[in-house]
């Protein structure tokens, strides 16, 4: 396909017999030129096939403002579920915000927060606020309680999200690599000498949940059947405060399958300890997410700051390319997690076979036979 000829303002000016500045004013429909001249220049530009470069136009509009009125570019962080107070208590969301703000400030963006949980706020009102503030780039934070749909009109906006929780619309997203994360947690357990590994999943639903399960089931397919412990699932959470861990089902599961180590959330660890089980003396434990207390447990660091950083990069890429709205082919950027050692997982002592004591072999004495003479 042959490239299109680039039509500049100078080309139009020469054709119309006017100055470049007159063409610029006419194409911006400025009242500084007469209506008749504006219409004539616009007609010539259209006939020549002129197309405005949106990025250049946006930049020039920004530069035309007086220095006093000129403000730095803003982006919005859209918080779909948590209140302002709850955000401060949620470690995962806090780390995501830190990552987003880190890169935003580096490249010169200011950050506006839009909370859908604010009284009287709606998706429609939030969109109006974003447009009124001249904001084009939006990063949507995940739902803290699980998967959900977001009924928001992103037309004309450059948007990305973090994590898999927003299932509709399908946006560009940055996510932890959950499949690899579970692989590495299982490797930690095996390296510590444990093969009877149990998984308690209290965070249900979504692609991340499926990736955790897939990795765990694949691992189990390669170990002896006697060491395979069925995964324990829990009811779907209703809010981010409730992870759905059922103490009775966990107690019965532990008693029936007797795992050497359990992989689960911080709430699962607390539940296990409430039974009087000593961790790691009686049972090893690996935390699915060490952003939750105790943060010094053995387990997976999801690197949420880097996830937020990458989500901002996806949004910024769309801004630079002027790609707005819900993407036809959304991209997913996976961020590697880090595994950390911790107090909840100890090396399993190797079984030592009892020493064989040297035994002397004694010959059995034949019974004494008394011969009786036959008369």
Protein backbone atom coordinates (compact mmCIF):
# COMPACT_ATOMS: atom_id res chain seq x y z
CA UNK A 1 0.00 0.00 0.00
CA UNK A 2 1.54 3.31 -1.11
CA UNK A 3 1.99 5.90 1.64
CA UNK A 4 -0.34 8.90 1.56
CA UNK A 5 1.10 12.28 0.52
CA UNK A 6 1.60 14.53 3.52
CA UNK A 7 -0.19 17.86 3.11
CA UNK A 8 1.32 20.63 5.24
CA UNK A 9 -0.08 24.03 6.22
CA UNK A 10 2.52 25.57 3.92
CA UNK A 11 1.14 23.57 0.96
CA UNK A 12 -2.37 24.87 1.66
CA UNK A 13 -1.08 28.44 2.12
CA UNK A 14 0.63 28.38 -1.28
CA UNK A 15 -2.50 27.02 -2.95
CA UNK A 16 -4.78 29.59 -1.28
CA UNK A 17 -2.32 32.45 -1.67
CA UNK A 18 -2.34 33.32 2.02
CA UNK A 19 0.10 33.06 4.92
CA UNK A 20 0.70 29.90 6.96
CA UNK A 21 -0.67 31.64 10.06
CA UNK A 22 -3.90 32.48 8.18
CA UNK A 23 -4.31 28.79 7.29
CA UNK A 24 -3.68 27.79 10.91
CA UNK A 25 -6.34 30.24 12.13
CA UNK A 26 -8.83 29.13 9.50
CA UNK A 27 -8.42 25.41 10.24
CA UNK A 28 -8.97 26.14 13.94
CA UNK A 29 -12.09 28.12 12.97
CA UNK A 30 -10.67 31.20 14.71
CA UNK A 31 -12.76 34.40 14.55
CA UNK A 32 -9.53 36.31 13.89
CA UNK A 33 -10.13 35.65 10.17
CA UNK A 34 -13.32 36.46 8.27
CA UNK A 35 -15.93 33.76 7.83
CA UNK A 36 -15.59 33.93 4.04
CA UNK A 37 -11.82 33.40 4.16
CA UNK A 38 -12.12 30.60 6.73
CA UNK A 39 -14.58 28.71 4.57
CA UNK A 40 -12.46 29.15 1.44
CA UNK A 41 -9.29 27.90 3.13
CA UNK A 42 -11.15 24.97 4.70
CA UNK A 43 -12.57 24.05 1.25
CA UNK A 44 -9.10 24.08 -0.32
CA UNK A 45 -7.65 22.02 2.55
CA UNK A 46 -10.39 19.41 2.20
CA UNK A 47 -9.92 19.20 -1.57
CA UNK A 48 -6.16 18.71 -1.15
CA UNK A 49 -6.79 15.84 1.33
CA UNK A 50 -5.39 17.57 4.41
CA UNK A 51 -5.64 15.58 7.65
CA UNK A 52 -4.84 17.06 11.02
CA UNK A 53 -2.22 15.24 13.11
CA UNK A 54 -4.08 14.87 16.46
CA UNK A 55 -0.90 14.63 18.53
CA UNK A 56 0.58 17.79 17.04
CA UNK A 57 -2.76 19.59 17.39
CA UNK A 58 -3.02 18.61 21.07
CA UNK A 59 0.55 19.72 21.74
CA UNK A 60 0.06 23.07 19.97
CA UNK A 61 -3.15 23.70 21.88
CA UNK A 62 -1.24 23.11 25.11
CA UNK A 63 1.63 25.41 24.05
CA UNK A 64 -0.70 28.23 22.97
CA UNK A 65 -1.86 28.68 26.54
CA UNK A 66 -0.09 31.40 28.45
CA UNK A 67 2.56 30.15 30.87
CA UNK A 68 0.41 31.38 33.75
CA UNK A 69 -2.59 29.30 32.66
CA UNK A 70 -0.62 26.31 31.41
CA UNK A 71 -0.79 23.27 33.70
CA UNK A 72 0.97 19.95 33.44
CA UNK A 73 -0.86 17.06 31.84
CA UNK A 74 -3.13 15.07 34.13
CA UNK A 75 -4.11 11.42 34.18
CA UNK A 76 -6.85 9.80 36.24
CA UNK A 77 -6.80 6.80 38.55
CA UNK A 78 -10.33 5.38 38.59
CA UNK A 79 -11.14 3.51 41.83
CA UNK A 80 -14.23 1.38 41.13
CA UNK A 81 -15.03 -0.07 44.54
CA UNK A 82 -13.07 1.07 47.59
CA UNK A 83 -13.62 4.31 49.49
CA UNK A 84 -10.81 6.77 50.18
CA UNK A 85 -10.40 5.32 53.69
CA UNK A 86 -10.42 1.70 52.51
CA UNK A 87 -7.72 2.34 49.90
CA UNK A 88 -5.33 3.27 52.69
CA UNK A 89 -5.98 -0.07 54.42
CA UNK A 90 -5.59 -2.25 51.34
CA UNK A 91 -1.90 -3.14 50.79
CA UNK A 92 -2.33 -4.42 47.23
CA UNK A 93 -4.16 -1.30 46.02
CA UNK A 94 -1.71 0.99 47.82
CA UNK A 95 1.26 -0.64 46.06
CA UNK A 96 -0.46 -0.41 42.66
CA UNK A 97 -1.04 3.32 43.20
CA UNK A 98 2.61 3.79 44.22
CA UNK A 99 3.75 2.19 40.96
CA UNK A 100 1.38 4.28 38.83
CA UNK A 101 2.35 7.55 40.52
CA UNK A 102 6.05 6.74 40.30
CA UNK A 103 6.07 6.62 36.50
CA UNK A 104 3.46 9.39 36.14
CA UNK A 105 5.65 11.82 38.05
CA UNK A 106 8.75 10.71 36.14
CA UNK A 107 7.20 11.60 32.78
CA UNK A 108 5.51 14.77 34.07
CA UNK A 109 1.89 13.75 34.65
CA UNK A 110 -0.21 14.91 37.56
CA UNK A 111 -2.61 12.35 39.07
CA UNK A 112 -6.33 12.85 39.79
CA UNK A 113 -8.29 10.25 41.78
CA UNK A 114 -11.89 9.46 40.88
CA UNK A 115 -13.74 7.31 43.45
CA UNK A 116 -16.92 5.65 42.18
CA UNK A 117 -17.87 4.95 45.80
CA UNK A 118 -18.18 8.67 46.64
CA UNK A 119 -21.74 9.76 47.55
CA UNK A 120 -23.70 10.69 44.43
CA UNK A 121 -20.92 9.48 42.11
CA UNK A 122 -21.76 7.40 39.04
CA UNK A 123 -19.87 6.18 36.00
CA UNK A 124 -21.58 8.83 33.89
CA UNK A 125 -20.67 11.64 36.30
CA UNK A 126 -17.10 10.34 36.63
CA UNK A 127 -16.70 10.44 32.84
CA UNK A 128 -18.00 14.02 32.76
CA UNK A 129 -15.49 15.05 35.43
CA UNK A 130 -12.60 13.41 33.57
CA UNK A 131 -13.50 15.15 30.29
CA UNK A 132 -14.13 18.51 31.99
CA UNK A 133 -10.63 18.35 33.50
CA UNK A 134 -9.11 17.72 30.08
CA UNK A 135 -7.86 14.29 31.08
CA UNK A 136 -7.26 11.73 28.35
CA UNK A 137 -5.42 8.88 30.10
CA UNK A 138 -7.10 6.66 32.70
CA UNK A 139 -5.80 3.70 34.72
CA UNK A 140 -8.59 1.66 36.32
CA UNK A 141 -7.74 -0.07 39.59
CA UNK A 142 -9.04 -3.63 40.10
CA UNK A 143 -12.06 -4.61 42.15
CA UNK A 144 -10.77 -5.69 45.55
CA UNK A 145 -13.59 -8.22 46.11
CA UNK A 146 -13.08 -10.29 42.96
CA UNK A 147 -14.20 -10.23 39.34
CA UNK A 148 -16.85 -7.78 38.07
CA UNK A 149 -18.06 -5.80 35.07
CA UNK A 150 -17.57 -2.04 34.86
CA UNK A 151 -20.31 -0.14 33.01
CA UNK A 152 -18.19 2.84 31.98
CA UNK A 153 -18.07 4.65 28.62
CA UNK A 154 -14.38 4.91 27.69
CA UNK A 155 -15.03 6.44 24.26
CA UNK A 156 -12.36 9.07 23.53
CA UNK A 157 -10.20 7.99 26.52
CA UNK A 158 -6.92 6.05 26.63
CA UNK A 159 -7.37 3.38 29.27
CA UNK A 160 -5.63 0.41 30.89
CA UNK A 161 -6.14 -1.60 34.07
CA UNK A 162 -4.21 -3.75 36.54
CA UNK A 163 -5.05 -7.40 37.17
CA UNK A 164 -7.80 -9.63 35.80
CA UNK A 165 -10.71 -8.53 38.00
CA UNK A 166 -12.43 -6.32 35.39
CA UNK A 167 -13.87 -8.87 32.96
CA UNK A 168 -15.90 -6.37 30.94
CA UNK A 169 -14.93 -4.29 29.09
CA UNK A 170 -11.78 -6.05 27.92
CA UNK A 171 -9.00 -3.51 28.43
CA UNK A 172 -5.21 -3.44 28.10
CA UNK A 173 -3.96 -4.82 31.40
CA UNK A 174 -0.81 -5.50 33.41
CA UNK A 175 -0.98 -8.59 35.64
CA UNK A 176 1.16 -10.76 37.88
CA UNK A 177 2.17 -14.03 36.20
CA UNK A 178 0.01 -16.30 38.37
CA UNK A 179 0.86 -19.55 36.60
CA UNK A 180 4.60 -19.05 37.07
CA UNK A 181 3.98 -17.79 40.60
CA UNK A 182 2.35 -21.07 41.65
CA UNK A 183 5.14 -23.02 39.90
CA UNK A 184 7.70 -21.21 42.03
CA UNK A 185 5.77 -21.66 45.28
CA UNK A 186 5.60 -25.40 44.62
CA UNK A 187 9.33 -25.40 43.84
CA UNK A 188 9.94 -23.76 47.25
CA UNK A 189 8.02 -26.55 48.97
CA UNK A 190 9.81 -29.32 47.08
CA UNK A 191 13.22 -27.72 47.67
CA UNK A 192 12.42 -27.75 51.40
CA UNK A 193 11.76 -31.49 51.18
CA UNK A 194 7.94 -31.46 51.14
CA UNK A 195 5.86 -33.48 48.67
CA UNK A 196 2.49 -33.65 50.41
CA UNK A 197 1.46 -30.10 49.48
CA UNK A 198 -2.06 -28.79 50.02
CA UNK A 199 -3.67 -25.73 48.40
CA UNK A 200 -6.49 -23.75 50.04
CA UNK A 201 -8.04 -21.23 47.63
CA UNK A 202 -10.20 -18.62 49.31
CA UNK A 203 -9.89 -16.09 46.47
CA UNK A 204 -12.08 -17.61 43.80
CA UNK A 205 -13.04 -16.70 40.25
CA UNK A 206 -11.14 -14.99 37.47
CA UNK A 207 -8.22 -15.92 35.26
CA UNK A 208 -5.67 -15.66 38.06
CA UNK A 209 -7.57 -18.27 40.09
CA UNK A 210 -7.65 -20.61 37.08
CA UNK A 211 -3.94 -20.16 36.46
CA UNK A 212 -3.14 -21.02 40.08
CA UNK A 213 -5.27 -24.16 39.83
CA UNK A 214 -3.82 -25.19 36.46
CA UNK A 215 -0.25 -25.00 37.74
CA UNK A 216 -1.14 -26.92 40.91
CA UNK A 217 -2.96 -29.69 39.03
CA UNK A 218 -0.11 -30.00 36.53
CA UNK A 219 2.33 -30.41 39.42
CA UNK A 220 0.16 -33.11 40.96
CA UNK A 221 0.11 -35.08 37.71
CA UNK A 222 3.84 -35.67 38.11
CA UNK A 223 3.93 -36.94 41.72
CA UNK A 224 2.83 -40.28 43.22
CA UNK A 225 -0.93 -40.61 43.64
CA UNK A 226 -0.43 -41.16 47.36
CA UNK A 227 0.98 -37.62 47.70
CA UNK A 228 -1.81 -35.86 45.77
CA UNK A 229 -3.99 -33.79 48.06
CA UNK A 230 -7.26 -32.39 46.62
CA UNK A 231 -7.40 -28.61 46.53
CA UNK A 232 -9.74 -27.08 49.10
CA UNK A 233 -11.95 -24.37 47.61
CA UNK A 234 -14.05 -21.93 49.62
CA UNK A 235 -17.22 -19.95 48.90
CA UNK A 236 -16.96 -16.93 46.61
CA UNK A 237 -16.20 -13.75 48.55
CA UNK A 238 -18.91 -11.13 48.96
CA UNK A 239 -16.64 -8.22 49.90
CA UNK A 240 -12.90 -7.66 50.02
CA UNK A 241 -13.04 -8.03 53.82
CA UNK A 242 -14.42 -11.59 53.60
CA UNK A 243 -12.16 -14.16 51.98
CA UNK A 244 -14.61 -16.96 52.64
CA UNK A 245 -12.26 -19.23 54.61
CA UNK A 246 -14.42 -21.82 56.42
CA UNK A 247 -12.62 -23.01 59.59
CA UNK A 248 -14.61 -26.25 59.85
CA UNK A 249 -13.86 -27.33 56.28
CA UNK A 250 -10.17 -26.47 56.72
CA UNK A 251 -9.98 -28.49 59.96
CA UNK A 252 -11.63 -31.55 58.37
CA UNK A 253 -9.41 -31.25 55.29
CA UNK A 254 -6.23 -31.08 57.40
CA UNK A 255 -7.28 -34.07 59.49
CA UNK A 256 -8.19 -36.18 56.45
CA UNK A 257 -5.21 -35.49 54.16
CA UNK A 258 -2.44 -34.53 56.62
CA UNK A 259 -0.38 -32.26 54.33
CA UNK A 260 3.26 -31.41 55.12
CA UNK A 261 2.78 -27.83 53.93
CA UNK A 262 -0.18 -25.64 52.96
CA UNK A 263 -0.30 -22.88 50.33
CA UNK A 264 -2.93 -20.23 51.05
CA UNK A 265 -3.76 -16.68 52.10
CA UNK A 266 -2.87 -14.92 55.34
CA UNK A 267 -6.37 -15.66 56.64
CA UNK A 268 -5.81 -19.39 56.06
CA UNK A 269 -2.62 -19.16 58.13
CA UNK A 270 -4.51 -17.45 60.97
CA UNK A 271 -7.23 -20.12 60.81
CA UNK A 272 -4.66 -22.94 60.98
CA UNK A 273 -2.92 -21.33 63.96
CA UNK A 274 -6.29 -20.93 65.73
CA UNK A 275 -6.49 -24.75 65.84
CA UNK A 276 -3.38 -24.81 68.04
CA UNK A 277 -1.21 -26.02 65.15
CA UNK A 278 2.32 -24.65 65.37
CA UNK A 279 3.67 -23.17 62.11
CA UNK A 280 6.24 -24.19 60.95
CA UNK A 281 6.96 -26.82 63.64
CA UNK A 282 3.84 -28.92 63.04
CA UNK A 283 2.94 -27.70 59.53
CA UNK A 284 4.72 -25.63 56.89
CA UNK A 285 2.97 -22.72 55.22
CA UNK A 286 3.54 -20.69 52.02
CA UNK A 287 1.65 -17.41 51.56
CA UNK A 288 0.02 -16.74 48.20
CA UNK A 289 0.54 -13.00 48.77
CA UNK A 290 3.15 -11.65 51.20
CA UNK A 291 1.74 -8.11 50.93
CA UNK A 292 -0.70 -9.37 53.60
CA UNK A 293 0.43 -9.79 57.22
CA UNK A 294 2.61 -11.52 58.20
CA UNK A 295 4.77 -10.00 55.47
CA UNK A 296 7.77 -12.06 56.62
CA UNK A 297 6.12 -15.37 55.77
CA UNK A 298 7.53 -17.58 53.05
CA UNK A 299 5.66 -16.98 49.81
CA UNK A 300 5.04 -14.91 46.71
CA UNK A 301 5.69 -11.20 46.31
CA UNK A 302 3.37 -10.10 43.49
CA UNK A 303 5.43 -6.95 42.80
CA UNK A 304 2.29 -4.79 42.69
CA UNK A 305 4.29 -1.59 42.28
CA UNK A 306 5.71 -2.93 39.02
CA UNK A 307 2.22 -4.04 37.93
CA UNK A 308 0.96 -0.47 38.46
CA UNK A 309 4.03 0.87 36.64
CA UNK A 310 3.33 -1.36 33.62
CA UNK A 311 -0.39 -0.47 33.61
CA UNK A 312 0.56 3.21 33.34
CA UNK A 313 2.93 2.39 30.45
CA UNK A 314 0.10 0.68 28.58
CA UNK A 315 -2.12 3.74 29.05
CA UNK A 316 0.69 6.12 28.06
CA UNK A 317 1.37 4.12 24.90
CA UNK A 318 -2.27 4.60 23.86
CA UNK A 319 -2.03 8.34 24.61
CA UNK A 320 1.10 8.69 22.46
CA UNK A 321 -0.52 6.75 19.61
CA UNK A 322 -3.89 8.48 20.08
CA UNK A 323 -5.64 5.11 20.42
CA UNK A 324 -8.83 5.72 22.37
CA UNK A 325 -11.75 3.68 23.61
CA UNK A 326 -11.98 -0.04 24.34
CA UNK A 327 -9.27 -1.76 22.25
CA UNK A 328 -10.24 -4.28 19.60
CA UNK A 329 -7.24 -6.44 20.51
CA UNK A 330 -6.36 -5.81 24.18
CA UNK A 331 -2.80 -6.51 25.31
CA UNK A 332 -1.74 -8.28 28.51
CA UNK A 333 1.66 -7.56 30.09
CA UNK A 334 2.79 -10.19 32.64
CA UNK A 335 5.01 -9.15 35.53
CA UNK A 336 7.26 -11.72 37.21
CA UNK A 337 6.75 -12.29 40.92
CA UNK A 338 9.52 -12.80 43.47
CA UNK A 339 9.62 -15.67 45.93
CA UNK A 340 10.82 -14.89 49.42
CA UNK A 341 11.94 -17.26 52.18
CA UNK A 342 10.24 -16.82 55.53
CA UNK A 343 9.67 -18.15 59.01
CA UNK A 344 6.67 -20.29 57.99
CA UNK A 345 8.62 -22.84 55.94
CA UNK A 346 11.53 -24.88 57.25
CA UNK A 347 13.69 -27.48 55.60
CA UNK A 348 12.18 -30.89 56.26
CA UNK A 349 14.69 -33.09 58.11
CA UNK A 350 15.89 -36.03 56.08
CA UNK A 351 14.88 -39.44 57.30
CA UNK A 352 17.86 -41.34 58.59
CA UNK A 353 17.74 -45.09 58.28
CA UNK A 354 18.59 -46.91 61.55
CA UNK A 355 22.16 -48.16 61.77
CA UNK A 356 22.53 -51.84 61.27
CA UNK A 357 24.20 -53.49 64.28
CA UNK A 358 26.64 -56.24 63.49
CA UNK A 359 25.23 -59.53 64.70
CA UNK A 360 27.28 -62.62 65.27
CA UNK A 361 25.99 -65.68 63.56
CA UNK A 362 25.94 -68.62 65.84
CA UNK A 363 25.78 -72.19 64.71
CA UNK A 364 22.90 -74.03 66.14
CA UNK A 365 24.06 -76.95 68.27
CA UNK A 366 22.76 -80.24 67.14
CA UNK A 367 20.73 -81.98 69.76
CA UNK A 368 22.60 -84.59 71.76
CA UNK A 369 21.64 -88.04 70.65
CA UNK A 370 22.04 -90.88 73.16
CA UNK A 371 22.57 -94.14 71.48
CA UNK A 372 20.95 -97.07 73.22
CA UNK A 373 22.63 -100.34 72.48
CA UNK A 374 20.39 -103.03 71.08
CA UNK A 375 20.66 -106.27 72.91
